[in-house]
Amino acid sequence: MTDPDVDPPKGARPVGRRAGESGTREDILDAALTLFAERGFDGASMRAIADAAGVDPALIRHFFTDKPSLFAAAMAAHSEIPQRMAEAVSGDPGQLGRRVAEAYLTLWDDAELGPVLQGLVRSAVTSEHGGELVAEALFSQMSKVPEVAAAPPEATRGVALAGAHLMGVALARNVLGLSAFTGMSREELVEAVAPSIQRYLSPLVERRASNDDGPGA
């Protein structure tokens, strides 16, 4: 048993959390989201996240099996992004494409969430697995909405297509700064892309209409 009054040997690495820091799961998620946004998926190492959270790297693996799991958990638990996208599904089916486009593009203009999204999308273009992880993080909550989850495969594909389209627009406007996109207001962009997003999501709209017209409607 180690005597708490005896100093550890020089060069020994302290085990567990640092003194004075909480070392909780929430601290890890906060640190992870910040570093993923700043450095991208590949650039944010597990050790760097542990240092930022003030914990031993082993504690991260206690809560999360690997970095993709940590990324998904950080996005789901410590970001409003997935929830806002899920909320956009509710409402008039005829305006679904406009609502989804508006919700997504509005996130990029948010003072707090915009920089996070920029960092995450940079992950998508610089990491072998970043694109898939970011798309899953942004649109997974939409797929969990009951009417989407119960929809046929073509509706799920439509959600993926809508996500890819919107991510491309955001990449061109907010990361690459292409003049054709930066010269348009958010409202103009929504007007331009909403019909395509509506078309991608048409199987979902048709399913909702069918349910509304079914027995007991």
Foldseek 3Di string as FASTA:
>chain_A
DDDPVDDDDPPDDDAWFDPPADNDPVLLLVLLLVCCLVQNLVGCDLCNSCVSSRTDSVSVCVVAVDSLRSLLCSLVPPHCQQVLLLVLCDDDLVQSLLSNLLSLVVLCVDPPRVSSLLSQLVNLVPDPCSVVSSLCSRHVSNCVPVLNVPFDPQQVVLSSVLSVVSSVLCCCCPPVNPVVNVVDDSVVVSVVCSVVSSVSNVSSSVVVVPVVPDPPD
